[in-house]
Protein backbone atom coordinates (compact mmCIF):
# COMPACT_ATOMS: atom_id res chain seq x y z
CA MET A 1 114.92 104.55 63.83
CA HIS A 2 111.69 104.29 61.86
CA LEU A 3 109.64 103.29 64.91
CA GLY A 4 111.25 106.20 66.74
CA LYS A 5 109.53 108.64 64.39
CA ILE A 6 106.09 107.57 65.60
CA GLY A 7 104.91 109.89 68.37
CA ARG A 8 108.00 112.10 68.15
CA ASN A 9 107.70 115.81 68.93
CA GLU A 10 109.72 118.71 67.57
CA ALA A 11 112.19 118.47 70.46
CA GLY A 12 112.93 114.83 69.62
CA GLY A 13 111.01 113.25 72.49
CA ILE A 14 108.58 110.38 71.94
CA THR A 15 105.12 110.10 73.47
CA ARG A 16 103.21 106.90 72.74
CA LEU A 17 100.68 106.44 75.53
CA SER A 18 98.47 103.38 75.66
CA PHE A 19 95.30 103.22 73.55
CA THR A 20 96.25 106.35 71.58
CA PRO A 21 96.62 106.74 67.80
CA GLU A 22 100.40 106.88 68.25
CA GLU A 23 100.52 103.53 70.01
CA LYS A 24 98.15 102.04 67.43
CA GLU A 25 100.42 103.21 64.62
CA ALA A 26 103.47 101.76 66.38
CA LYS A 27 101.78 98.38 66.81
CA ALA A 28 100.71 98.37 63.16
CA PHE A 29 104.35 98.88 62.16
CA VAL A 30 105.45 96.08 64.49
CA ALA A 31 102.72 93.76 63.15
CA ASP A 32 103.99 94.40 59.62
CA LEU A 33 107.52 93.42 60.68
CA MET A 34 106.13 90.25 62.24
CA GLU A 35 104.43 89.35 58.98
CA GLN A 36 107.66 90.00 57.08
CA ALA A 37 109.30 87.47 59.40
CA SER A 38 106.60 84.93 58.37
CA LEU A 39 105.08 84.92 61.85
CA ALA A 40 101.44 84.21 62.65
CA VAL A 41 100.21 87.55 64.03
CA ASP A 42 97.52 87.83 66.67
CA GLU A 43 96.24 90.37 69.19
CA ASP A 44 94.48 89.56 72.45
CA ALA A 45 91.65 91.35 74.26
CA MET A 46 94.09 93.68 76.06
CA GLY A 47 95.87 94.70 72.87
CA ASN A 48 98.97 92.56 73.47
CA LEU A 49 100.44 91.86 70.02
CA PHE A 50 101.92 88.41 69.27
CA GLY A 51 103.99 86.95 66.45
CA ARG A 52 104.40 83.15 66.56
CA ARG A 53 106.74 80.73 64.82
CA GLU A 54 105.68 77.11 65.25
CA GLY A 55 107.99 74.42 66.53
CA ARG A 56 108.17 70.79 65.46
CA ASN A 57 105.69 70.11 68.26
CA PRO A 58 102.98 72.81 68.09
CA GLN A 59 101.52 71.51 71.36
CA ALA A 60 104.75 72.13 73.28
CA PRO A 61 104.89 75.23 75.52
CA ALA A 62 106.26 78.30 73.77
CA VAL A 63 109.35 80.35 74.48
CA LEU A 64 108.16 83.97 74.71
CA ILE A 65 110.31 87.00 73.87
CA GLY A 66 108.79 90.31 74.84
CA SER A 67 108.77 93.94 75.85
CA HIS A 68 106.66 96.98 74.94
CA VAL A 69 106.28 99.86 72.46
CA ASP A 70 104.41 102.36 74.65
CA SER A 71 106.48 105.18 76.14
CA VAL A 72 106.56 107.74 78.90
CA VAL A 73 105.77 111.35 78.04
CA ASN A 74 108.65 112.84 76.03
CA GLY A 75 110.68 109.63 76.29
CA GLY A 76 113.32 107.94 74.16
CA MET A 77 113.24 105.53 71.23
CA PHE A 78 114.94 102.44 72.74
CA ASP A 79 113.08 101.74 75.99
CA GLY A 80 110.94 98.66 75.33
CA THR A 81 111.17 98.85 71.57
CA ALA A 82 114.70 97.41 71.55
CA GLY A 83 113.34 94.21 73.08
CA VAL A 84 110.37 93.87 70.73
CA LEU A 85 112.40 94.54 67.58
CA SER A 86 115.27 92.30 68.69
CA GLY A 87 112.76 89.52 69.28
CA ILE A 88 111.37 89.92 65.77
CA GLU A 89 114.90 89.99 64.36
CA VAL A 90 115.70 86.72 66.15
CA LEU A 91 112.61 85.04 64.66
CA HIS A 92 113.37 86.51 61.26
CA THR A 93 116.86 84.99 61.50
CA LEU A 94 115.42 81.58 62.41
CA GLN A 95 113.12 81.84 59.38
CA GLU A 96 115.98 82.77 57.05
CA HIS A 97 118.04 79.79 58.21
CA GLY A 98 115.13 77.36 58.30
CA TRP A 99 115.81 76.61 61.97
CA GLN A 100 112.99 74.97 63.90
CA GLY A 101 113.14 73.71 67.46
CA SER A 102 110.74 71.45 69.27
CA HIS A 103 109.09 74.42 70.97
CA PRO A 104 107.21 77.29 69.33
CA VAL A 105 108.75 80.74 69.77
CA GLU A 106 106.67 83.89 70.12
CA VAL A 107 107.47 87.58 70.34
CA VAL A 108 105.03 89.82 72.21
CA ALA A 109 104.60 93.59 72.40
CA PHE A 110 102.82 94.16 75.70
CA THR A 111 100.26 96.90 76.26
CA ASP A 112 101.03 99.70 78.72
CA GLU A 113 104.19 98.61 80.48
CA GLU A 114 105.13 102.15 81.43
CA GLY A 115 102.03 103.22 83.36
CA ALA A 116 102.54 106.77 82.09
CA ARG A 117 98.90 107.39 81.21
CA PHE A 118 96.94 105.73 84.02
CA SER A 119 99.52 105.79 86.86
CA THR A 120 99.60 102.00 86.94
CA GLY A 121 101.77 99.94 84.63
CA MET A 122 102.26 96.50 83.10
CA LEU A 123 98.58 96.18 82.25
CA GLY A 124 99.18 93.86 79.29
CA SER A 125 101.38 91.39 81.12
CA GLN A 126 99.06 91.47 84.15
CA ALA A 127 96.15 90.61 81.86
CA LEU A 128 98.14 87.74 80.35
CA VAL A 129 98.82 86.15 83.74
CA GLY A 130 95.22 86.74 84.82
CA GLN A 131 95.90 89.29 87.56
CA LEU A 132 94.30 92.39 86.02
CA THR A 133 90.77 92.98 87.26
CA GLN A 134 87.73 94.61 85.74
CA GLU A 135 87.70 96.90 88.77
CA ALA A 136 91.20 98.13 87.92
CA LEU A 137 90.10 98.98 84.37
CA ASP A 138 87.32 101.14 85.78
CA SER A 139 89.17 102.75 88.69
CA HIS A 140 92.47 103.83 87.09
CA LYS A 141 92.07 107.06 85.13
CA ASP A 142 94.28 109.40 83.12
CA ALA A 143 94.76 113.14 83.66
CA ASP A 144 91.54 113.85 81.74
CA GLY A 145 89.51 111.51 83.92
CA MET A 146 89.20 108.77 81.29
CA SER A 147 89.39 105.26 82.73
CA VAL A 148 91.36 102.40 81.22
CA ALA A 149 88.07 100.77 80.23
CA GLU A 150 86.87 103.92 78.47
CA ALA A 151 90.19 104.33 76.67
CA MET A 152 90.02 100.71 75.53
CA LYS A 153 86.55 101.26 74.08
CA GLU A 154 87.72 104.39 72.30
CA ALA A 155 90.60 102.39 70.78
CA GLY A 156 88.29 99.60 69.59
CA TYR A 157 88.72 97.05 72.40
CA ASP A 158 86.04 95.54 74.61
CA PRO A 159 87.05 95.78 78.29
CA LEU A 160 84.41 93.19 79.18
CA LYS A 161 86.51 90.61 77.31
CA LEU A 162 89.47 91.13 79.64
CA ARG A 163 89.41 87.53 80.88
CA GLU A 164 90.00 86.29 77.33
CA ALA A 165 93.54 87.72 77.53
CA LYS A 166 94.47 85.32 80.33
CA ARG A 167 96.83 82.61 79.12
CA ASP A 168 97.15 79.05 80.32
CA PRO A 169 100.57 78.83 82.08
CA SER A 170 101.10 75.35 80.63
CA THR A 171 101.44 76.95 77.16
CA VAL A 172 104.53 78.97 78.18
CA LYS A 173 107.96 77.42 78.78
CA ALA A 174 109.92 80.61 79.50
CA TYR A 175 109.88 84.37 79.06
CA LEU A 176 112.89 86.36 77.84
CA GLU A 177 113.24 90.13 77.68
CA LEU A 178 116.04 92.14 76.12
CA HIS A 179 116.10 95.73 77.36
CA ILE A 180 118.39 98.71 77.45
CA GLU A 181 119.98 99.00 80.89
CA GLN A 182 118.72 102.55 81.59
CA GLY A 183 121.75 103.04 83.82
CA LYS A 184 125.53 103.45 83.71
CA VAL A 185 126.76 100.12 85.09
CA LEU A 186 127.55 98.41 81.78
CA GLU A 187 129.04 101.60 80.37
CA SER A 188 131.27 101.97 83.44
CA GLN A 189 132.49 98.40 82.88
CA GLY A 190 133.10 98.94 79.17
CA LEU A 191 130.64 96.14 78.31
CA SER A 192 127.87 95.93 75.74
CA VAL A 193 125.77 93.20 77.39
CA GLY A 194 124.89 92.10 80.91
CA VAL A 195 123.00 89.18 82.45
CA VAL A 196 120.21 90.33 84.77
CA THR A 197 119.97 88.49 88.09
CA GLY A 198 116.89 90.19 89.53
CA ILE A 199 114.45 93.09 89.29
CA VAL A 200 113.62 95.56 92.04
CA GLY A 201 110.17 95.67 93.57
CA LEU A 202 108.33 98.96 93.77
CA ARG A 203 105.63 100.88 95.56
CA TRP A 204 103.84 103.78 93.88
CA LEU A 205 102.07 105.88 96.52
CA HIS A 206 99.76 108.86 96.09
CA LEU A 207 99.53 111.30 98.98
CA THR A 208 96.86 114.01 99.33
CA LEU A 209 97.32 116.66 102.01
CA LYS A 210 94.56 119.15 102.81
CA GLY A 211 95.04 122.20 104.99
CA GLU A 212 93.62 125.70 104.81
CA ALA A 213 94.31 128.23 102.07
CA GLY A 214 94.95 131.77 103.23
CA HIS A 215 96.59 135.10 102.53
CA ALA A 216 100.39 134.85 102.49
CA GLY A 217 100.82 138.20 104.21
CA THR A 218 98.09 138.28 106.80
CA THR A 219 98.16 134.76 108.24
CA PRO A 220 100.67 134.34 111.11
CA MET A 221 102.96 131.33 110.87
CA LYS A 222 101.64 129.77 114.06
CA LEU A 223 98.06 129.83 112.75
CA ARG A 224 98.80 128.20 109.42
CA ARG A 225 97.70 124.73 108.27
CA ASP A 226 100.01 124.58 105.25
CA PRO A 227 99.91 121.23 103.39
CA LEU A 228 102.88 122.15 101.21
CA ALA A 229 105.07 122.75 104.26
CA ALA A 230 103.97 119.34 105.54
CA ALA A 231 104.69 117.78 102.14
CA SER A 232 108.22 119.20 102.13
CA VAL A 233 108.94 117.51 105.46
CA VAL A 234 107.56 114.21 104.12
CA MET A 235 109.74 114.44 101.02
CA ALA A 236 112.85 115.07 103.10
CA TYR A 237 111.95 112.13 105.34
CA LEU A 238 111.55 109.83 102.33
CA GLU A 239 114.99 110.80 101.03
CA ASP A 240 116.68 110.34 104.43
CA THR A 241 114.97 106.97 105.00
CA VAL A 242 115.93 105.33 101.70
CA LYS A 243 119.51 106.59 102.00
CA GLY A 244 119.82 104.37 105.05
CA GLU A 245 118.81 101.21 103.18
CA ALA A 246 120.97 99.23 100.74
CA ASP A 247 119.85 99.02 97.09
CA THR A 248 116.86 101.27 97.80
CA VAL A 249 115.74 104.52 96.17
CA GLY A 250 112.83 106.91 96.61
CA THR A 251 111.50 109.56 94.24
CA VAL A 252 108.79 112.21 94.31
CA GLY A 253 107.87 112.53 90.65
CA GLN A 254 104.66 114.54 90.71
CA LEU A 255 103.65 117.51 92.84
CA ARG A 256 100.39 119.47 92.46
CA VAL A 257 99.71 122.56 94.56
CA ARG A 258 96.31 124.26 94.77
CA PRO A 259 95.34 127.00 94.29
CA GLY A 260 98.91 127.73 93.21
CA GLY A 261 99.13 131.52 93.69
CA ILE A 262 102.41 133.15 94.62
CA ASN A 263 100.73 135.04 97.47
CA ILE A 264 98.40 132.26 98.67
CA ILE A 265 99.05 129.65 101.32
CA PRO A 266 98.22 126.34 99.59
CA GLY A 267 95.02 124.60 100.59
CA GLU A 268 95.71 121.21 99.01
CA VAL A 269 98.76 119.32 97.81
CA GLU A 270 99.05 116.02 95.92
CA LEU A 271 102.30 114.16 95.39
CA THR A 272 103.46 110.75 94.24
CA MET A 273 106.22 108.64 95.75
CA ASP A 274 108.11 105.89 93.91
CA ILE A 275 110.01 103.53 96.25
CA ARG A 276 112.18 100.70 94.87
CA SER A 277 114.34 97.99 96.41
CA LEU A 278 115.65 94.50 95.75
CA SER A 279 114.33 93.51 99.18
CA ARG A 280 110.64 93.07 99.89
CA ALA A 281 111.33 93.41 103.60
CA THR A 282 112.98 96.78 102.98
CA LEU A 283 110.05 97.97 100.87
CA ASP A 284 107.64 97.00 103.62
CA LYS A 285 109.83 98.65 106.25
CA VAL A 286 110.13 101.94 104.34
CA GLU A 287 106.42 102.06 103.51
CA GLN A 288 105.40 101.38 107.12
CA ALA A 289 107.80 104.01 108.46
CA LEU A 290 106.57 106.51 105.90
CA ARG A 291 102.93 105.92 106.80
CA GLN A 292 103.64 106.44 110.49
CA PHE A 293 105.65 109.61 109.83
CA ILE A 294 102.90 111.06 107.61
CA ASP A 295 100.29 110.42 110.28
CA ASP A 296 102.47 112.07 112.93
CA ILE A 297 103.41 115.14 110.89
CA CYS A 298 99.83 115.72 109.74
CA GLN A 299 98.54 115.50 113.30
CA GLU A 300 101.24 117.91 114.45
CA ARG A 301 100.46 120.42 111.68
CA LYS A 302 96.67 119.89 111.73
CA VAL A 303 96.63 118.77 108.10
CA HIS A 304 94.35 116.05 106.78
CA CYS A 305 96.09 113.26 104.83
CA ALA A 306 95.10 110.35 102.59
CA LEU A 307 97.70 107.85 101.31
CA ASP A 308 96.74 105.47 98.49
CA VAL A 309 98.71 102.69 96.79
CA LEU A 310 98.72 103.14 93.02
CA HIS A 311 100.95 100.23 92.10
CA ARG A 312 102.70 97.47 94.03
CA LEU A 313 105.17 94.95 92.60
CA GLU A 314 107.38 92.63 94.60
CA PRO A 315 111.08 92.07 93.78
CA VAL A 316 111.78 89.19 91.39
CA SER A 317 114.81 86.95 90.98
CA CYS A 318 115.49 85.73 87.46
CA SER A 319 115.23 81.94 87.12
CA PRO A 320 118.61 80.24 87.76
CA GLY A 321 118.18 77.91 84.78
CA ILE A 322 117.45 80.81 82.43
CA VAL A 323 120.37 82.80 83.86
CA ASP A 324 122.65 79.81 83.17
CA THR A 325 121.38 79.60 79.58
CA ILE A 326 121.98 83.31 79.00
CA GLU A 327 125.47 82.99 80.54
CA ASN A 328 126.32 80.22 78.06
CA ALA A 329 124.99 82.35 75.21
CA VAL A 330 127.20 85.26 76.29
CA LYS A 331 130.25 83.00 76.34
CA GLU A 332 129.39 81.49 72.94
CA THR A 333 129.08 84.99 71.52
CA GLY A 334 132.60 85.77 72.74
CA LEU A 335 131.56 88.50 75.18
CA ASP A 336 132.70 89.06 78.75
CA LEU A 337 130.31 87.71 81.35
CA PHE A 338 128.83 90.29 83.73
CA HIS A 339 125.85 90.19 86.12
CA LEU A 340 123.73 93.07 87.36
CA ALA A 341 120.32 93.78 88.84
CA SER A 342 117.58 95.88 87.26
CA GLY A 343 116.64 99.06 89.07
CA ALA A 344 113.65 99.53 86.76
CA GLY A 345 110.49 97.48 86.59
CA HIS A 346 109.77 95.32 83.54
CA ASP A 347 107.07 92.99 82.23
CA ALA A 348 109.41 90.12 83.19
CA MET A 349 108.58 90.64 86.86
CA VAL A 350 104.89 90.06 86.12
CA MET A 351 105.61 87.11 83.84
CA ALA A 352 107.58 85.51 86.70
CA ARG A 353 104.19 84.72 88.28
CA MET A 354 103.53 82.41 85.32
CA THR A 355 106.84 80.99 84.14
CA ASP A 356 110.65 81.08 84.34
CA VAL A 357 112.05 84.45 83.27
CA GLY A 358 115.36 85.91 82.18
CA MET A 359 116.59 89.31 81.03
CA ILE A 360 119.44 90.59 78.89
CA PHE A 361 120.62 94.19 79.28
CA VAL A 362 122.40 96.20 76.61
CA ARG A 363 124.47 99.30 77.27
CA SER A 364 122.85 102.74 77.54
CA LYS A 365 124.88 105.81 76.57
CA ASP A 366 125.49 107.94 79.68
CA GLY A 367 122.82 105.88 81.46
CA VAL A 368 120.13 108.20 80.11
CA SER A 369 116.56 106.87 79.79
CA HIS A 370 112.99 108.20 79.75
CA ASN A 371 114.54 111.13 77.92
CA PRO A 372 114.89 112.20 74.27
CA LYS A 373 118.68 111.74 74.64
CA GLU A 374 118.24 108.00 75.30
CA TRP A 375 120.67 106.13 73.01
CA THR A 376 122.12 102.67 72.48
CA GLU A 377 124.66 101.94 69.77
CA LYS A 378 123.77 99.58 66.94
CA ASP A 379 126.71 97.29 67.70
CA ASP A 380 125.55 96.94 71.31
CA LEU A 381 122.04 96.06 70.15
CA GLY A 382 123.61 93.54 67.79
CA ASP A 383 125.53 91.90 70.64
CA GLY A 384 122.35 91.73 72.70
CA ALA A 385 120.37 90.24 69.82
CA ASP A 386 123.08 87.62 69.23
CA VAL A 387 122.89 86.58 72.89
CA LEU A 388 119.10 86.52 72.66
CA LEU A 389 119.24 84.32 69.55
CA LYS A 390 121.52 81.77 71.18
CA THR A 391 119.40 81.76 74.34
CA VAL A 392 116.19 81.23 72.37
CA THR A 393 117.58 78.36 70.29
CA ALA A 394 118.91 76.67 73.44
CA LEU A 395 115.52 76.91 75.16
CA ALA A 396 113.45 76.00 72.09
CA ARG A 397 115.69 73.15 71.01
């Protein structure tokens, strides 16, 4: 509740974008909690914040618990933060009981999971696994035209030290992430906790359509080169296409029309498309079909088009051994066992390139997320943290 006050507006929504004062304040609060849990606190070149509790063998690979504290614009207080704070609580509990396994245990608050500022997400976890490039820091920009690299400098980080954030995979045994479900599945089952089996892959596409602006009253329909009319057909096609594929969704989340007058035929339109599926083959199929349709419709309507990929992540299956460990933890906690897939992207899907990963979901009220009404009950968070604790001790033992 305290962390939820940082970046909150009068309407109750939270905005903590990466490399802003609000995010910095949130990380300072989290760092203080880490110190209270007697953790060794450190921050890497990308701003990822770590709290570490040593094991009996400091040279053994660590069990990582993680999530994020950045938010979308006008978001909720549980997305990401529930995982970071639960991880700290687990380590605080180990400290209170004097429990020490063979393996070190770390909790990490990743930088920019959401992608809300620069239209590309999971920057911190990508830096950790060594797959974030200097070019990406320079090319991805926010709405004001500031690049990631420029924002880092403004926040006190050196983008030229990006490579220093890369971690040796041999130092990580496993990655665990507790997260609110952001959907209604657990609620519909009357369950507080679920075991995640996999995470959908995604494509973020940016489409620019350029036609010819003109007077709305004096330009005959047959002479128009209207990019917004073309965009509407593309949006309908996206919806129809994903409806025909299992476990696949498509969303147009941003639409910009220029010049934007009520009596002016638009001259330029920009829109984003978010496509998600548990199947890489389906993602490829939908993207290819969409590209062909856009080319055809733009040729037919004499509209110029440019389609760019903003973000691409492949579907990820959670590691069977980690899933088994979480299942045992659920049973030991006395909860009903339930499996589900994640329809949202998480840092775990990036960490899967480095190590074994597992996720624990906790129930979301009404399935609401990325919204000020986002809510998860304290008892549900407690159940999730108990499962996380038992999973961590099993892996670190």
